[in-house]
Amino acid sequence: MSKGYAPVPRIIRDHPDWAKKSFSKGQALVDLFLRATHDRQKVKGVLLVRGQILITIKGLSKDWGWSRGKVRRFLTTLKMGKGEAWAIEQEIINPAVMNPMKKPRSLGIRITFIYYNEICGEGGK
């Protein structure tokens, strides 16, 4: 196993080669990690802390050029990777107040990289 890390600037996601489909599993993992917040912020009214992202299966499917099923299986694999540097926890986020006239919908899935601070250092607290 490799030790240490190499900083990858988030701007790499803007490179034309990054947008080419279909993503490899490694590229998808790096993409998720680059999307993780480095500091507290609100996204769609949901507070995210360092190492978290708010995603939708549909959105990742589109971004990565994968089926929704492949995205779900990939996230399940990461979720089962307890002890691995890239291990995640998932939580479905529902709106606090729902319109009774509309079908309830989730805002997305909050993903937490369990070892984000160990990998990236404790900055941003």
C-alpha atoms as a PDB file:
ATOM      1  CA  MET A   1       0.000   0.000   0.000  1.00  0.00           C
ATOM      2  CA  SER A   2       1.267   3.481  -0.819  1.00  0.00           C
ATOM      3  CA  LYS A   3       1.875   5.900   2.028  1.00  0.00           C
ATOM      4  CA  GLY A   4       1.409   9.655   2.062  1.00  0.00           C
ATOM      5  CA  TYR A   5      -0.575  11.629  -0.457  1.00  0.00           C
ATOM      6  CA  ALA A   6      -0.210  13.861  -3.471  1.00  0.00           C
ATOM      7  CA  PRO A   7      -2.271  17.041  -3.470  1.00  0.00           C
ATOM      8  CA  VAL A   8      -4.606  17.166  -6.454  1.00  0.00           C
ATOM      9  CA  PRO A   9      -6.130  20.579  -7.138  1.00  0.00           C
ATOM     10  CA  ARG A  10      -9.917  20.579  -7.440  1.00  0.00           C
ATOM     11  CA  ILE A  11      -9.583  22.535 -10.683  1.00  0.00           C
ATOM     12  CA  ILE A  12      -8.601  19.273 -12.390  1.00  0.00           C
ATOM     13  CA  ARG A  13     -12.349  18.611 -12.632  1.00  0.00           C
ATOM     14  CA  ASP A  14     -12.512  21.487 -15.166  1.00  0.00           C
ATOM     15  CA  HIS A  15     -10.003  19.849 -17.526  1.00  0.00           C
ATOM     16  CA  PRO A  16     -11.632  18.596 -20.781  1.00  0.00           C
ATOM     17  CA  ASP A  17     -10.168  15.098 -20.339  1.00  0.00           C
ATOM     18  CA  TRP A  18     -11.824  14.821 -16.918  1.00  0.00           C
ATOM     19  CA  ALA A  19     -15.281  15.186 -18.481  1.00  0.00           C
ATOM     20  CA  LYS A  20     -14.810  12.241 -20.858  1.00  0.00           C
ATOM     21  CA  LYS A  21     -17.182   9.367 -20.171  1.00  0.00           C
ATOM     22  CA  SER A  22     -17.274   6.674 -18.899  1.00  0.00           C
ATOM     23  CA  PHE A  23     -15.300   7.192 -15.695  1.00  0.00           C
ATOM     24  CA  SER A  24     -13.112   4.430 -14.295  1.00  0.00           C
ATOM     25  CA  LYS A  25     -13.791   3.412 -10.682  1.00  0.00           C
ATOM     26  CA  GLY A  26     -10.559   5.122  -9.643  1.00  0.00           C
ATOM     27  CA  GLN A  27     -11.575   8.316 -11.384  1.00  0.00           C
ATOM     28  CA  ALA A  28     -15.005   8.160  -9.725  1.00  0.00           C
ATOM     29  CA  LEU A  29     -13.365   7.769  -6.301  1.00  0.00           C
ATOM     30  CA  VAL A  30     -11.076  10.752  -6.893  1.00  0.00           C
ATOM     31  CA  ASP A  31     -14.033  12.762  -8.201  1.00  0.00           C
ATOM     32  CA  LEU A  32     -16.013  12.094  -5.015  1.00  0.00           C
ATOM     33  CA  PHE A  33     -13.034  13.021  -2.872  1.00  0.00           C
ATOM     34  CA  LEU A  34     -12.496  16.264  -4.799  1.00  0.00           C
ATOM     35  CA  ARG A  35     -16.163  17.165  -4.294  1.00  0.00           C
ATOM     36  CA  ALA A  36     -15.869  16.802  -0.504  1.00  0.00           C
ATOM     37  CA  THR A  37     -16.013  20.061   1.414  1.00  0.00           C
ATOM     38  CA  HIS A  38     -12.816  21.274   3.001  1.00  0.00           C
ATOM     39  CA  ASP A  39     -14.741  23.468   5.427  1.00  0.00           C
ATOM     40  CA  ARG A  40     -18.287  23.819   6.783  1.00  0.00           C
ATOM     41  CA  GLN A  41     -20.846  24.983   4.229  1.00  0.00           C
ATOM     42  CA  LYS A  42     -24.526  24.761   3.390  1.00  0.00           C
ATOM     43  CA  VAL A  43     -25.639  23.028   0.205  1.00  0.00           C
ATOM     44  CA  LYS A  44     -29.374  23.042  -0.621  1.00  0.00           C
ATOM     45  CA  GLY A  45     -29.958  24.117   2.987  1.00  0.00           C
ATOM     46  CA  VAL A  46     -28.047  21.102   4.365  1.00  0.00           C
ATOM     47  CA  LEU A  47     -25.045  21.781   6.593  1.00  0.00           C
ATOM     48  CA  LEU A  48     -22.000  19.858   5.423  1.00  0.00           C
ATOM     49  CA  VAL A  49     -18.844  19.577   7.473  1.00  0.00           C
ATOM     50  CA  ARG A  50     -15.313  18.869   6.360  1.00  0.00           C
ATOM     51  CA  GLY A  51     -15.113  15.672   4.292  1.00  0.00           C
ATOM     52  CA  GLN A  52     -18.807  15.545   3.308  1.00  0.00           C
ATOM     53  CA  ILE A  53     -20.676  15.953   0.022  1.00  0.00           C
ATOM     54  CA  LEU A  54     -24.338  16.015  -0.942  1.00  0.00           C
ATOM     55  CA  ILE A  55     -24.979  14.052  -4.126  1.00  0.00           C
ATOM     56  CA  THR A  56     -27.742  12.333  -6.032  1.00  0.00           C
ATOM     57  CA  ILE A  57     -27.448   8.961  -7.739  1.00  0.00           C
ATOM     58  CA  LYS A  58     -28.930  10.500 -10.885  1.00  0.00           C
ATOM     59  CA  GLY A  59     -26.368  13.323 -10.856  1.00  0.00           C
ATOM     60  CA  LEU A  60     -23.394  10.994 -10.432  1.00  0.00           C
ATOM     61  CA  SER A  61     -24.804   8.699 -13.099  1.00  0.00           C
ATOM     62  CA  LYS A  62     -24.876  11.600 -15.549  1.00  0.00           C
ATOM     63  CA  ASP A  63     -21.459  12.979 -14.540  1.00  0.00           C
ATOM     64  CA  TRP A  64     -19.691   9.630 -14.702  1.00  0.00           C
ATOM     65  CA  GLY A  65     -21.513   8.096 -17.674  1.00  0.00           C
ATOM     66  CA  TRP A  66     -22.662   5.148 -15.549  1.00  0.00           C
ATOM     67  CA  SER A  67     -26.024   3.531 -14.941  1.00  0.00           C
ATOM     68  CA  ARG A  68     -27.724   4.360 -11.640  1.00  0.00           C
ATOM     69  CA  GLY A  69     -27.278   0.746 -10.577  1.00  0.00           C
ATOM     70  CA  LYS A  70     -23.519   0.908 -11.142  1.00  0.00           C
ATOM     71  CA  VAL A  71     -23.328   4.119  -9.070  1.00  0.00           C
ATOM     72  CA  ARG A  72     -25.282   2.463  -6.217  1.00  0.00           C
ATOM     73  CA  ARG A  73     -23.059  -0.643  -6.296  1.00  0.00           C
ATOM     74  CA  PHE A  74     -19.915   1.500  -6.304  1.00  0.00           C
ATOM     75  CA  LEU A  75     -21.078   3.523  -3.291  1.00  0.00           C
ATOM     76  CA  THR A  76     -21.992   0.288  -1.483  1.00  0.00           C
ATOM     77  CA  THR A  77     -18.470  -0.996  -2.117  1.00  0.00           C
ATOM     78  CA  LEU A  78     -16.999   2.182  -0.607  1.00  0.00           C
ATOM     79  CA  LYS A  79     -19.396   1.929   2.328  1.00  0.00           C
ATOM     80  CA  MET A  80     -18.227  -1.618   3.046  1.00  0.00           C
ATOM     81  CA  GLY A  81     -14.564  -0.517   2.971  1.00  0.00           C
ATOM     82  CA  LYS A  82     -14.360   0.185   6.703  1.00  0.00           C
ATOM     83  CA  GLY A  83     -10.743   0.775   7.688  1.00  0.00           C
ATOM     84  CA  GLU A  84      -9.779   1.775   4.162  1.00  0.00           C
ATOM     85  CA  ALA A  85      -8.711   5.376   3.539  1.00  0.00           C
ATOM     86  CA  TRP A  86     -11.645   5.909   1.163  1.00  0.00           C
ATOM     87  CA  ALA A  87     -14.343   4.394   3.406  1.00  0.00           C
ATOM     88  CA  ILE A  88     -17.604   6.328   3.457  1.00  0.00           C
ATOM     89  CA  GLU A  89     -20.825   6.597   5.402  1.00  0.00           C
ATOM     90  CA  GLN A  90     -24.101   7.456   3.638  1.00  0.00           C
ATOM     91  CA  GLU A  91     -27.237   9.175   4.870  1.00  0.00           C
ATOM     92  CA  ILE A  92     -30.354   9.994   2.837  1.00  0.00           C
ATOM     93  CA  ILE A  93     -31.324  13.623   3.411  1.00  0.00           C
ATOM     94  CA  ASN A  94     -35.026  14.491   3.306  1.00  0.00           C
ATOM     95  CA  PRO A  95     -36.367  18.050   3.420  1.00  0.00           C
ATOM     96  CA  ALA A  96     -37.385  19.152   6.906  1.00  0.00           C
ATOM     97  CA  VAL A  97     -40.675  20.575   5.665  1.00  0.00           C
ATOM     98  CA  MET A  98     -42.450  18.883   2.782  1.00  0.00           C
ATOM     99  CA  ASN A  99     -45.308  20.222   0.745  1.00  0.00           C
ATOM    100  CA  PRO A 100     -48.247  17.830   1.365  1.00  0.00           C
ATOM    101  CA  MET A 101     -49.431  18.438  -2.194  1.00  0.00           C
ATOM    102  CA  LYS A 102     -46.234  17.018  -3.674  1.00  0.00           C
ATOM    103  CA  LYS A 103     -44.709  13.565  -3.574  1.00  0.00           C
ATOM    104  CA  PRO A 104     -41.961  13.486  -0.887  1.00  0.00           C
ATOM    105  CA  ARG A 105     -38.473  13.563  -2.397  1.00  0.00           C
ATOM    106  CA  SER A 106     -35.049  13.316  -0.879  1.00  0.00           C
ATOM    107  CA  LEU A 107     -32.577  16.149  -1.358  1.00  0.00           C
ATOM    108  CA  GLY A 108     -29.847  13.615  -1.948  1.00  0.00           C
ATOM    109  CA  ILE A 109     -27.337  11.476  -0.143  1.00  0.00           C
ATOM    110  CA  ARG A 110     -24.850  12.952   2.292  1.00  0.00           C
ATOM    111  CA  ILE A 111     -21.579  11.086   1.958  1.00  0.00           C
ATOM    112  CA  THR A 112     -18.939  11.367   4.659  1.00  0.00           C
ATOM    113  CA  PHE A 113     -15.366  10.281   4.036  1.00  0.00           C
ATOM    114  CA  ILE A 114     -14.620   8.731   7.426  1.00  0.00           C
ATOM    115  CA  TYR A 115     -10.849   9.338   7.280  1.00  0.00           C
ATOM    116  CA  TYR A 116     -10.865  12.695   5.448  1.00  0.00           C
ATOM    117  CA  ASN A 117      -9.000  14.556   8.229  1.00  0.00           C
ATOM    118  CA  GLU A 118      -6.397  11.815   8.547  1.00  0.00           C
ATOM    119  CA  ILE A 119      -5.718  12.001   4.813  1.00  0.00           C
ATOM    120  CA  CYS A 120      -5.918  15.767   4.341  1.00  0.00           C
ATOM    121  CA  GLY A 121      -4.766  16.970   7.733  1.00  0.00           C
ATOM    122  CA  GLU A 122      -6.778  18.751  10.375  1.00  0.00           C
ATOM    123  CA  GLY A 123      -6.906  22.155   8.618  1.00  0.00           C
ATOM    124  CA  GLY A 124     -10.207  23.877   8.110  1.00  0.00           C
ATOM    125  CA  LYS A 125     -11.513  23.336  11.631  1.00  0.00           C
END
